[in-house]
Amino acid sequence: MKLPNKKFNIVYCDPPYAYNSSIYQDSERKFEKKLNDYYETMSFKDIKNLPVKDIADKDCILFIWTTDSHLNEALEIIKSWKFKYKTIGFTWVKQYKNGSYCYNFGAYTLKSTEICLIGLKGKLKNIKKTNNVKGLVFAERTKHSKKPNCIRDKIVELCGDLPRIELFAREKADGWESWGNELNG
């Protein structure tokens, strides 16, 4: 799939990283599946080589999800897409419907968070660096790897109503251009 022939000031993405472990387990829900049962993954090289720099306006902010085990790769992706790493934008504390924390198997310790990094290209004058957009998000974990919908709203609140795209999107969202192989079924 080709990326759109447009420029955006906001790029939001959750890359389909490949993991060394092919098994995803959830002791709370009592199941075990392969990650590819949920979505197609991509190699680090293929993600890194996506021509995202071609759709990023000269002034653009990138929000990219990663897990702690893919932090180095995410930082390299930010750089290869011609952005400069700035900070962690959001930390998602995953919860079950009943409010208890979700712990996933991971290297060394059980995991209950994911982080969304911020990269910047040029300058965005609209960014509210001292506002009340909170980076810590407590939200229910629903479908595997689906991020909380409120993050899109927080991004717009932080950056303003600028041209924006969600890469690797699984569903269309109002006000967002969407690109991904799972759209429309």
N, C-alpha and C. Protein backbone atom coordinates (compact mmCIF):
# COMPACT_ATOMS: atom_id res chain seq x y z
N MET A 1 0.84 -1.19 0.00
CA MET A 1 0.00 0.00 0.00
C MET A 1 0.88 1.24 0.00
N LYS A 2 0.53 2.17 -0.86
CA LYS A 2 1.26 3.43 -0.90
C LYS A 2 0.67 4.40 0.12
N LEU A 3 1.54 5.22 0.68
CA LEU A 3 1.09 6.27 1.57
C LEU A 3 0.40 7.35 0.74
N PRO A 4 -0.50 8.13 1.34
CA PRO A 4 -1.18 9.19 0.59
C PRO A 4 -0.19 10.21 0.03
N ASN A 5 -0.59 10.86 -1.02
CA ASN A 5 0.23 11.90 -1.63
C ASN A 5 -0.19 13.25 -1.06
N LYS A 6 -0.01 13.41 0.25
CA LYS A 6 -0.38 14.62 0.99
C LYS A 6 0.67 14.86 2.05
N LYS A 7 0.62 16.04 2.63
CA LYS A 7 1.50 16.38 3.75
C LYS A 7 0.65 16.53 5.01
N PHE A 8 1.21 16.12 6.13
CA PHE A 8 0.51 16.17 7.41
C PHE A 8 1.39 16.83 8.46
N ASN A 9 0.74 17.49 9.42
CA ASN A 9 1.45 18.09 10.55
C ASN A 9 1.48 17.16 11.75
N ILE A 10 0.61 16.15 11.74
CA ILE A 10 0.56 15.18 12.83
C ILE A 10 0.55 13.78 12.22
N VAL A 11 1.48 12.94 12.66
CA VAL A 11 1.52 11.54 12.26
C VAL A 11 1.42 10.72 13.55
N TYR A 12 0.43 9.84 13.60
CA TYR A 12 0.17 9.00 14.78
C TYR A 12 0.24 7.56 14.32
N CYS A 13 0.99 6.72 15.03
CA CYS A 13 1.10 5.34 14.56
C CYS A 13 1.39 4.35 15.67
N ASP A 14 0.98 3.14 15.41
CA ASP A 14 1.24 1.98 16.26
C ASP A 14 1.81 0.90 15.35
N PRO A 15 3.12 0.93 15.10
CA PRO A 15 3.71 -0.02 14.15
C PRO A 15 3.47 -1.48 14.56
N PRO A 16 3.25 -2.34 13.58
CA PRO A 16 3.03 -3.76 13.87
C PRO A 16 4.36 -4.50 14.05
N TYR A 17 5.05 -4.21 15.14
CA TYR A 17 6.35 -4.81 15.42
C TYR A 17 6.26 -6.33 15.47
N ALA A 18 7.29 -6.98 14.97
CA ALA A 18 7.42 -8.44 15.13
C ALA A 18 8.12 -8.68 16.47
N TYR A 19 7.70 -9.70 17.16
CA TYR A 19 8.30 -10.05 18.45
C TYR A 19 9.04 -11.36 18.32
N ASN A 20 10.08 -11.53 19.15
CA ASN A 20 10.83 -12.79 19.14
C ASN A 20 9.94 -13.94 19.59
N SER A 21 9.10 -13.67 20.56
CA SER A 21 8.17 -14.68 21.04
C SER A 21 6.94 -14.65 20.15
N SER A 22 6.56 -15.79 19.64
CA SER A 22 5.39 -15.83 18.76
C SER A 22 4.11 -16.09 19.54
N ILE A 23 4.23 -16.31 20.86
CA ILE A 23 3.05 -16.64 21.66
C ILE A 23 2.67 -15.47 22.55
N TYR A 24 1.40 -15.14 22.52
CA TYR A 24 0.83 -14.10 23.38
C TYR A 24 -0.04 -14.83 24.39
N GLN A 25 0.17 -14.56 25.68
CA GLN A 25 -0.59 -15.24 26.71
C GLN A 25 -1.31 -14.22 27.57
N ASP A 26 -2.42 -14.63 28.09
CA ASP A 26 -3.17 -13.78 29.01
C ASP A 26 -3.76 -14.69 30.08
N SER A 27 -3.13 -14.67 31.25
CA SER A 27 -3.56 -15.58 32.31
C SER A 27 -4.94 -15.20 32.86
N GLU A 28 -5.28 -13.90 32.84
CA GLU A 28 -6.58 -13.45 33.35
C GLU A 28 -7.72 -14.00 32.49
N ARG A 29 -7.52 -13.99 31.17
CA ARG A 29 -8.57 -14.45 30.27
C ARG A 29 -8.36 -15.91 29.84
N LYS A 30 -7.32 -16.54 30.29
CA LYS A 30 -7.05 -17.97 30.08
C LYS A 30 -6.94 -18.35 28.60
N PHE A 31 -6.03 -17.70 27.88
CA PHE A 31 -5.81 -18.11 26.50
C PHE A 31 -4.37 -17.89 26.09
N GLU A 32 -4.03 -18.49 24.98
CA GLU A 32 -2.70 -18.39 24.40
C GLU A 32 -2.85 -18.40 22.89
N LYS A 33 -2.31 -17.38 22.22
CA LYS A 33 -2.41 -17.28 20.76
C LYS A 33 -1.11 -16.77 20.18
N LYS A 34 -0.95 -16.94 18.90
CA LYS A 34 0.18 -16.36 18.19
C LYS A 34 -0.17 -14.91 17.86
N LEU A 35 0.86 -14.03 17.86
CA LEU A 35 0.60 -12.62 17.55
C LEU A 35 0.00 -12.45 16.17
N ASN A 36 0.42 -13.26 15.22
CA ASN A 36 -0.11 -13.13 13.86
C ASN A 36 -1.57 -13.53 13.76
N ASP A 37 -2.13 -14.14 14.82
CA ASP A 37 -3.58 -14.38 14.85
C ASP A 37 -4.34 -13.07 14.98
N TYR A 38 -3.68 -12.02 15.49
CA TYR A 38 -4.31 -10.73 15.72
C TYR A 38 -4.11 -9.77 14.56
N TYR A 39 -2.91 -9.72 14.02
CA TYR A 39 -2.59 -8.80 12.92
C TYR A 39 -1.29 -9.23 12.27
N GLU A 40 -1.10 -8.77 11.04
CA GLU A 40 0.16 -9.02 10.34
C GLU A 40 1.23 -8.13 10.93
N THR A 41 2.38 -8.72 11.22
CA THR A 41 3.49 -7.93 11.72
C THR A 41 4.42 -7.56 10.55
N MET A 42 5.30 -6.60 10.81
CA MET A 42 6.28 -6.17 9.82
C MET A 42 7.67 -6.26 10.45
N SER A 43 8.65 -6.47 9.62
CA SER A 43 10.02 -6.47 10.13
C SER A 43 10.42 -5.04 10.50
N PHE A 44 11.36 -4.93 11.39
CA PHE A 44 11.88 -3.63 11.80
C PHE A 44 12.39 -2.87 10.57
N LYS A 45 13.08 -3.56 9.71
CA LYS A 45 13.63 -2.93 8.49
C LYS A 45 12.52 -2.36 7.62
N ASP A 46 11.42 -3.10 7.44
CA ASP A 46 10.32 -2.63 6.60
C ASP A 46 9.61 -1.42 7.22
N ILE A 47 9.44 -1.43 8.53
CA ILE A 47 8.82 -0.28 9.21
C ILE A 47 9.72 0.94 9.04
N LYS A 48 11.00 0.74 9.31
CA LYS A 48 11.98 1.82 9.24
C LYS A 48 12.05 2.43 7.84
N ASN A 49 11.86 1.61 6.82
CA ASN A 49 11.98 2.07 5.43
C ASN A 49 10.70 2.65 4.84
N LEU A 50 9.62 2.67 5.60
CA LEU A 50 8.41 3.32 5.09
C LEU A 50 8.73 4.80 4.81
N PRO A 51 8.26 5.34 3.69
CA PRO A 51 8.60 6.73 3.34
C PRO A 51 7.75 7.77 4.09
N VAL A 52 7.70 7.66 5.40
CA VAL A 52 6.90 8.58 6.21
C VAL A 52 7.43 10.01 6.08
N LYS A 53 8.73 10.14 5.87
CA LYS A 53 9.29 11.50 5.71
C LYS A 53 8.66 12.22 4.53
N ASP A 54 8.13 11.47 3.56
CA ASP A 54 7.52 12.08 2.38
C ASP A 54 6.13 12.66 2.66
N ILE A 55 5.47 12.19 3.71
CA ILE A 55 4.13 12.71 4.03
C ILE A 55 4.16 13.69 5.20
N ALA A 56 5.33 13.80 5.85
CA ALA A 56 5.47 14.72 6.97
C ALA A 56 5.77 16.11 6.44
N ASP A 57 4.93 17.07 6.84
CA ASP A 57 5.17 18.46 6.46
C ASP A 57 6.49 18.91 7.08
N LYS A 58 6.96 20.09 6.66
CA LYS A 58 8.24 20.58 7.20
C LYS A 58 8.15 20.81 8.71
N ASP A 59 6.96 21.09 9.20
CA ASP A 59 6.69 21.20 10.63
C ASP A 59 5.70 20.09 10.98
N CYS A 60 6.19 19.06 11.67
CA CYS A 60 5.36 17.88 11.91
C CYS A 60 5.74 17.24 13.24
N ILE A 61 4.74 16.70 13.91
CA ILE A 61 4.95 15.97 15.16
C ILE A 61 4.53 14.52 14.94
N LEU A 62 5.33 13.62 15.48
CA LEU A 62 5.10 12.18 15.36
C LEU A 62 4.78 11.61 16.74
N PHE A 63 3.73 10.82 16.81
CA PHE A 63 3.38 10.06 18.01
C PHE A 63 3.49 8.59 17.62
N ILE A 64 4.40 7.86 18.25
CA ILE A 64 4.64 6.46 17.88
C ILE A 64 4.63 5.58 19.12
N TRP A 65 3.74 4.58 19.09
CA TRP A 65 3.61 3.64 20.20
C TRP A 65 4.75 2.63 20.16
N THR A 66 5.17 2.22 21.34
CA THR A 66 6.15 1.15 21.45
C THR A 66 5.99 0.46 22.80
N THR A 67 6.55 -0.70 22.87
CA THR A 67 6.67 -1.39 24.15
C THR A 67 8.11 -1.22 24.61
N ASP A 68 8.35 -1.50 25.87
CA ASP A 68 9.73 -1.33 26.35
C ASP A 68 10.71 -2.23 25.60
N SER A 69 10.27 -3.39 25.16
CA SER A 69 11.18 -4.28 24.43
C SER A 69 11.52 -3.79 23.03
N HIS A 70 10.77 -2.82 22.51
CA HIS A 70 11.04 -2.26 21.18
C HIS A 70 11.46 -0.78 21.24
N LEU A 71 11.86 -0.34 22.41
CA LEU A 71 12.23 1.06 22.57
C LEU A 71 13.37 1.48 21.65
N ASN A 72 14.43 0.70 21.59
CA ASN A 72 15.55 1.05 20.70
C ASN A 72 15.10 1.13 19.24
N GLU A 73 14.28 0.18 18.82
CA GLU A 73 13.79 0.18 17.45
C GLU A 73 12.93 1.41 17.17
N ALA A 74 12.06 1.76 18.11
CA ALA A 74 11.20 2.94 17.94
C ALA A 74 12.04 4.20 17.80
N LEU A 75 13.08 4.32 18.58
CA LEU A 75 13.96 5.49 18.48
C LEU A 75 14.67 5.53 17.13
N GLU A 76 15.06 4.38 16.63
CA GLU A 76 15.68 4.32 15.29
C GLU A 76 14.68 4.66 14.19
N ILE A 77 13.44 4.21 14.35
CA ILE A 77 12.39 4.53 13.38
C ILE A 77 12.16 6.04 13.35
N ILE A 78 12.08 6.66 14.52
CA ILE A 78 11.89 8.11 14.60
C ILE A 78 12.98 8.81 13.79
N LYS A 79 14.20 8.39 13.99
CA LYS A 79 15.34 9.01 13.30
C LYS A 79 15.29 8.74 11.80
N SER A 80 14.98 7.52 11.40
CA SER A 80 14.96 7.18 9.96
C SER A 80 13.83 7.90 9.23
N TRP A 81 12.76 8.24 9.94
CA TRP A 81 11.65 8.99 9.34
C TRP A 81 11.91 10.49 9.39
N LYS A 82 13.12 10.89 9.82
CA LYS A 82 13.59 12.28 9.83
C LYS A 82 12.95 13.15 10.91
N PHE A 83 12.63 12.52 12.04
CA PHE A 83 12.15 13.24 13.20
C PHE A 83 13.23 13.20 14.27
N LYS A 84 13.12 14.10 15.24
CA LYS A 84 14.03 14.10 16.37
C LYS A 84 13.22 13.71 17.61
N TYR A 85 13.71 12.70 18.33
CA TYR A 85 13.03 12.27 19.54
C TYR A 85 12.97 13.43 20.55
N LYS A 86 11.79 13.62 21.15
CA LYS A 86 11.62 14.68 22.14
C LYS A 86 11.33 14.15 23.55
N THR A 87 10.33 13.27 23.66
CA THR A 87 9.90 12.82 24.99
C THR A 87 8.89 11.68 24.86
N ILE A 88 8.46 11.18 26.00
CA ILE A 88 7.32 10.25 26.04
C ILE A 88 6.07 11.11 26.11
N GLY A 89 5.17 10.91 25.17
CA GLY A 89 3.93 11.68 25.15
C GLY A 89 2.87 11.10 26.06
N PHE A 90 2.71 9.78 25.99
CA PHE A 90 1.66 9.13 26.76
C PHE A 90 2.16 7.81 27.31
N THR A 91 1.73 7.50 28.51
CA THR A 91 1.95 6.19 29.12
C THR A 91 0.58 5.64 29.42
N TRP A 92 0.27 4.53 28.78
CA TRP A 92 -1.04 3.89 28.94
C TRP A 92 -0.93 2.78 29.97
N VAL A 93 -1.67 2.92 31.06
CA VAL A 93 -1.78 1.87 32.07
C VAL A 93 -3.00 1.05 31.69
N LYS A 94 -2.75 -0.19 31.31
CA LYS A 94 -3.83 -1.06 30.82
C LYS A 94 -4.64 -1.63 31.98
N GLN A 95 -5.95 -1.56 31.81
CA GLN A 95 -6.85 -2.08 32.82
C GLN A 95 -7.87 -3.02 32.18
N TYR A 96 -8.37 -3.93 33.02
CA TYR A 96 -9.50 -4.75 32.60
C TYR A 96 -10.77 -3.96 32.84
N LYS A 97 -11.86 -4.47 32.31
CA LYS A 97 -13.16 -3.80 32.46
C LYS A 97 -13.51 -3.53 33.92
N ASN A 98 -13.11 -4.43 34.81
CA ASN A 98 -13.42 -4.27 36.24
C ASN A 98 -12.50 -3.28 36.95
N GLY A 99 -11.54 -2.69 36.20
CA GLY A 99 -10.65 -1.68 36.78
C GLY A 99 -9.32 -2.22 37.27
N SER A 100 -9.20 -3.55 37.37
CA SER A 100 -7.91 -4.09 37.81
C SER A 100 -6.87 -3.94 36.70
N TYR A 101 -5.62 -3.93 37.08
CA TYR A 101 -4.55 -3.73 36.11
C TYR A 101 -4.28 -5.00 35.33
N CYS A 102 -3.99 -4.82 34.08
CA CYS A 102 -3.68 -5.92 33.18
C CYS A 102 -2.17 -6.14 33.18
N TYR A 103 -1.73 -7.34 33.41
CA TYR A 103 -0.30 -7.66 33.36
C TYR A 103 -0.06 -8.66 32.25
N ASN A 104 0.80 -8.28 31.32
CA ASN A 104 1.16 -9.16 30.20
C ASN A 104 2.54 -9.74 30.43
N PHE A 105 2.76 -10.91 29.86
CA PHE A 105 4.08 -11.51 29.93
C PHE A 105 5.06 -10.65 29.16
N GLY A 106 6.24 -10.49 29.69
CA GLY A 106 7.28 -9.71 29.02
C GLY A 106 8.63 -10.21 29.49
N ALA A 107 9.66 -9.64 28.90
CA ALA A 107 11.00 -10.00 29.32
C ALA A 107 11.22 -9.49 30.74
N TYR A 108 11.65 -10.34 31.62
CA TYR A 108 12.03 -10.04 32.99
C TYR A 108 10.87 -9.79 33.94
N THR A 109 9.95 -8.88 33.63
CA THR A 109 8.85 -8.59 34.55
C THR A 109 7.52 -8.59 33.79
N LEU A 110 6.44 -8.71 34.54
CA LEU A 110 5.11 -8.60 33.95
C LEU A 110 4.85 -7.14 33.58
N LYS A 111 4.21 -6.90 32.46
CA LYS A 111 4.03 -5.54 31.93
C LYS A 111 2.56 -5.12 32.00
N SER A 112 2.35 -3.84 32.32
CA SER A 112 0.97 -3.33 32.32
C SER A 112 0.88 -1.97 31.63
N THR A 113 1.97 -1.53 30.99
CA THR A 113 1.96 -0.23 30.33
C THR A 113 2.52 -0.31 28.92
N GLU A 114 2.15 0.68 28.12
CA GLU A 114 2.76 0.93 26.82
C GLU A 114 3.02 2.42 26.75
N ILE A 115 4.03 2.79 25.97
CA ILE A 115 4.37 4.20 25.87
C ILE A 115 4.25 4.68 24.43
N CYS A 116 3.92 5.95 24.30
CA CYS A 116 3.80 6.61 23.00
C CYS A 116 4.83 7.74 22.99
N LEU A 117 5.84 7.60 22.14
CA LEU A 117 6.92 8.57 22.05
C LEU A 117 6.54 9.72 21.14
N ILE A 118 7.18 10.86 21.35
CA ILE A 118 6.99 12.03 20.49
C ILE A 118 8.30 12.33 19.78
N GLY A 119 8.19 12.51 18.45
CA GLY A 119 9.29 12.99 17.64
C GLY A 119 8.85 14.27 16.96
N LEU A 120 9.78 15.15 16.66
CA LEU A 120 9.43 16.43 16.05
C LEU A 120 10.33 16.69 14.85
N LYS A 121 9.71 17.25 13.83
CA LYS A 121 10.42 17.71 12.63
C LYS A 121 10.03 19.17 12.47
N GLY A 122 11.02 20.06 12.45
CA GLY A 122 10.71 21.49 12.37
C GLY A 122 10.13 21.96 13.69
N LYS A 123 9.15 22.86 13.62
CA LYS A 123 8.52 23.41 14.83
C LYS A 123 7.02 23.46 14.62
N LEU A 124 6.29 23.18 15.66
CA LEU A 124 4.84 23.35 15.63
C LEU A 124 4.50 24.45 16.62
N LYS A 125 4.01 25.56 16.12
CA LYS A 125 3.71 26.71 16.97
C LYS A 125 2.50 26.44 17.86
N ASN A 126 1.62 25.55 17.43
CA ASN A 126 0.37 25.31 18.17
C ASN A 126 0.54 24.43 19.40
N ILE A 127 1.69 23.75 19.54
CA ILE A 127 1.83 22.82 20.65
C ILE A 127 1.73 23.56 21.98
N LYS A 128 0.88 23.02 22.84
CA LYS A 128 0.65 23.59 24.17
C LYS A 128 1.54 22.83 25.16
N LYS A 129 2.74 23.34 25.39
CA LYS A 129 3.68 22.64 26.26
C LYS A 129 3.34 22.75 27.74
N THR A 130 2.54 23.72 28.10
CA THR A 130 2.23 23.91 29.52
C THR A 130 0.72 23.88 29.76
N ASN A 131 0.04 22.98 29.11
CA ASN A 131 -1.41 22.92 29.32
C ASN A 131 -1.75 21.75 30.24
N ASN A 132 -2.99 21.33 30.18
CA ASN A 132 -3.42 20.27 31.09
C ASN A 132 -3.66 18.94 30.39
N VAL A 133 -3.01 18.70 29.25
CA VAL A 133 -3.12 17.39 28.60
C VAL A 133 -2.25 16.41 29.39
N LYS A 134 -2.90 15.46 30.00
CA LYS A 134 -2.18 14.52 30.86
C LYS A 134 -1.58 13.38 30.04
N GLY A 135 -0.34 13.04 30.35
CA GLY A 135 0.36 11.98 29.66
C GLY A 135 0.08 10.60 30.22
N LEU A 136 -0.40 10.52 31.43
CA LEU A 136 -0.72 9.25 32.06
C LEU A 136 -2.18 8.92 31.79
N VAL A 137 -2.40 7.80 31.13
CA VAL A 137 -3.75 7.42 30.71
C VAL A 137 -4.09 6.05 31.30
N PHE A 138 -5.14 6.00 32.10
CA PHE A 138 -5.68 4.74 32.62
C PHE A 138 -6.88 4.40 31.75
N ALA A 139 -6.78 3.29 31.01
CA ALA A 139 -7.87 2.93 30.11
C ALA A 139 -7.95 1.41 29.95
N GLU A 140 -9.14 0.97 29.63
CA GLU A 140 -9.39 -0.45 29.44
C GLU A 140 -8.66 -0.98 28.22
N ARG A 141 -8.07 -2.13 28.39
CA ARG A 141 -7.50 -2.85 27.25
C ARG A 141 -8.65 -3.67 26.65
N THR A 142 -8.88 -3.46 25.37
CA THR A 142 -9.98 -4.16 24.70
C THR A 142 -9.37 -5.13 23.70
N LYS A 143 -9.61 -4.92 22.44
CA LYS A 143 -9.05 -5.76 21.38
C LYS A 143 -7.53 -5.71 21.43
N HIS A 144 -6.88 -6.84 21.15
CA HIS A 144 -5.43 -6.91 21.24
C HIS A 144 -4.78 -5.77 20.45
N SER A 145 -3.91 -5.03 21.11
CA SER A 145 -3.11 -3.94 20.55
C SER A 145 -3.90 -2.68 20.20
N LYS A 146 -5.20 -2.66 20.42
CA LYS A 146 -5.99 -1.45 20.15
C LYS A 146 -5.69 -0.41 21.23
N LYS A 147 -5.33 0.76 20.79
CA LYS A 147 -4.99 1.83 21.72
C LYS A 147 -6.26 2.59 22.12
N PRO A 148 -6.24 3.23 23.29
CA PRO A 148 -7.43 3.97 23.72
C PRO A 148 -7.79 5.09 22.74
N ASN A 149 -9.06 5.19 22.38
CA ASN A 149 -9.52 6.22 21.45
C ASN A 149 -9.24 7.63 21.97
N CYS A 150 -9.21 7.80 23.28
CA CYS A 150 -9.00 9.13 23.86
C CYS A 150 -7.64 9.72 23.49
N ILE A 151 -6.70 8.90 23.09
CA ILE A 151 -5.37 9.41 22.73
C ILE A 151 -5.47 10.34 21.52
N ARG A 152 -6.27 9.98 20.53
CA ARG A 152 -6.43 10.86 19.36
C ARG A 152 -6.94 12.23 19.80
N ASP A 153 -7.91 12.25 20.71
CA ASP A 153 -8.45 13.51 21.22
C ASP A 153 -7.38 14.31 21.96
N LYS A 154 -6.57 13.63 22.73
CA LYS A 154 -5.50 14.30 23.48
C LYS A 154 -4.47 14.90 22.52
N ILE A 155 -4.19 14.21 21.42
CA ILE A 155 -3.24 14.72 20.43
C ILE A 155 -3.77 16.01 19.81
N VAL A 156 -5.04 16.01 19.44
CA VAL A 156 -5.64 17.22 18.85
C VAL A 156 -5.68 18.34 19.87
N GLU A 157 -6.02 18.02 21.12
CA GLU A 157 -6.03 19.04 22.17
C GLU A 157 -4.63 19.64 22.35
N LEU A 158 -3.61 18.82 22.27
CA LEU A 158 -2.23 19.28 22.44
C LEU A 158 -1.72 20.08 21.25
N CYS A 159 -2.04 19.63 20.03
CA CYS A 159 -1.44 20.19 18.82
C CYS A 159 -2.35 21.12 18.04
N GLY A 160 -3.62 21.03 18.24
CA GLY A 160 -4.57 21.81 17.46
C GLY A 160 -5.15 20.98 16.32
N ASP A 161 -6.11 21.57 15.65
CA ASP A 161 -6.83 20.90 14.56
C ASP A 161 -6.03 21.05 13.27
N LEU A 162 -4.97 20.26 13.16
CA LEU A 162 -4.06 20.31 12.01
C LEU A 162 -4.25 19.08 11.13
N PRO A 163 -3.79 19.11 9.89
CA PRO A 163 -3.85 17.92 9.04
C PRO A 163 -3.12 16.75 9.73
N ARG A 164 -3.84 15.62 9.85
CA ARG A 164 -3.29 14.51 10.61
C ARG A 164 -3.63 13.17 9.98
N ILE A 165 -2.76 12.20 10.23
CA ILE A 165 -2.94 10.86 9.71
C ILE A 165 -2.60 9.84 10.79
N GLU A 166 -3.35 8.75 10.79
CA GLU A 166 -3.03 7.60 11.63
C GLU A 166 -2.55 6.49 10.71
N LEU A 167 -1.29 6.08 10.92
CA LEU A 167 -0.71 4.99 10.15
C LEU A 167 -0.97 3.67 10.87
N PHE A 168 -1.14 2.60 10.11
CA PHE A 168 -1.45 1.27 10.63
C PHE A 168 -2.81 1.28 11.34
N ALA A 169 -3.69 2.16 10.90
CA ALA A 169 -5.02 2.28 11.50
C ALA A 169 -5.84 1.02 11.23
N ARG A 170 -6.67 0.67 12.17
CA ARG A 170 -7.58 -0.47 12.01
C ARG A 170 -9.01 -0.02 11.78
N GLU A 171 -9.26 1.26 12.07
CA GLU A 171 -10.59 1.83 11.87
C GLU A 171 -10.44 3.30 11.53
N LYS A 172 -11.44 3.83 10.87
CA LYS A 172 -11.42 5.26 10.55
C LYS A 172 -11.86 6.04 11.77
N ALA A 173 -11.26 7.21 11.93
CA ALA A 173 -11.61 8.08 13.05
C ALA A 173 -11.94 9.47 12.49
N ASP A 174 -12.98 10.08 13.00
CA ASP A 174 -13.39 11.41 12.54
C ASP A 174 -12.24 12.40 12.63
N GLY A 175 -12.03 13.14 11.54
CA GLY A 175 -11.00 14.17 11.50
C GLY A 175 -9.61 13.67 11.18
N TRP A 176 -9.47 12.37 11.04
CA TRP A 176 -8.17 11.76 10.77
C TRP A 176 -8.17 11.09 9.41
N GLU A 177 -7.10 11.26 8.68
CA GLU A 177 -6.84 10.41 7.51
C GLU A 177 -6.36 9.08 8.09
N SER A 178 -6.77 7.98 7.51
CA SER A 178 -6.42 6.66 8.03
C SER A 178 -5.72 5.85 6.95
N TRP A 179 -4.65 5.17 7.34
CA TRP A 179 -3.88 4.33 6.41
C TRP A 179 -3.54 3.03 7.13
N GLY A 180 -3.89 1.91 6.53
CA GLY A 180 -3.57 0.62 7.12
C GLY A 180 -4.22 -0.51 6.35
N ASN A 181 -3.64 -1.69 6.47
CA ASN A 181 -4.14 -2.84 5.71
C ASN A 181 -5.38 -3.48 6.32
N GLU A 182 -5.82 -3.02 7.48
CA GLU A 182 -7.02 -3.60 8.11
C GLU A 182 -8.24 -2.72 7.94
N LEU A 183 -8.10 -1.59 7.27
CA LEU A 183 -9.25 -0.71 7.04
C LEU A 183 -10.21 -1.38 6.05
N ASN A 184 -11.49 -1.12 6.22
CA ASN A 184 -12.53 -1.70 5.35
C ASN A 184 -12.45 -3.21 5.34
N GLY A 185 -12.20 -3.82 6.47
CA GLY A 185 -12.18 -5.27 6.57
C GLY A 185 -10.87 -5.84 6.15
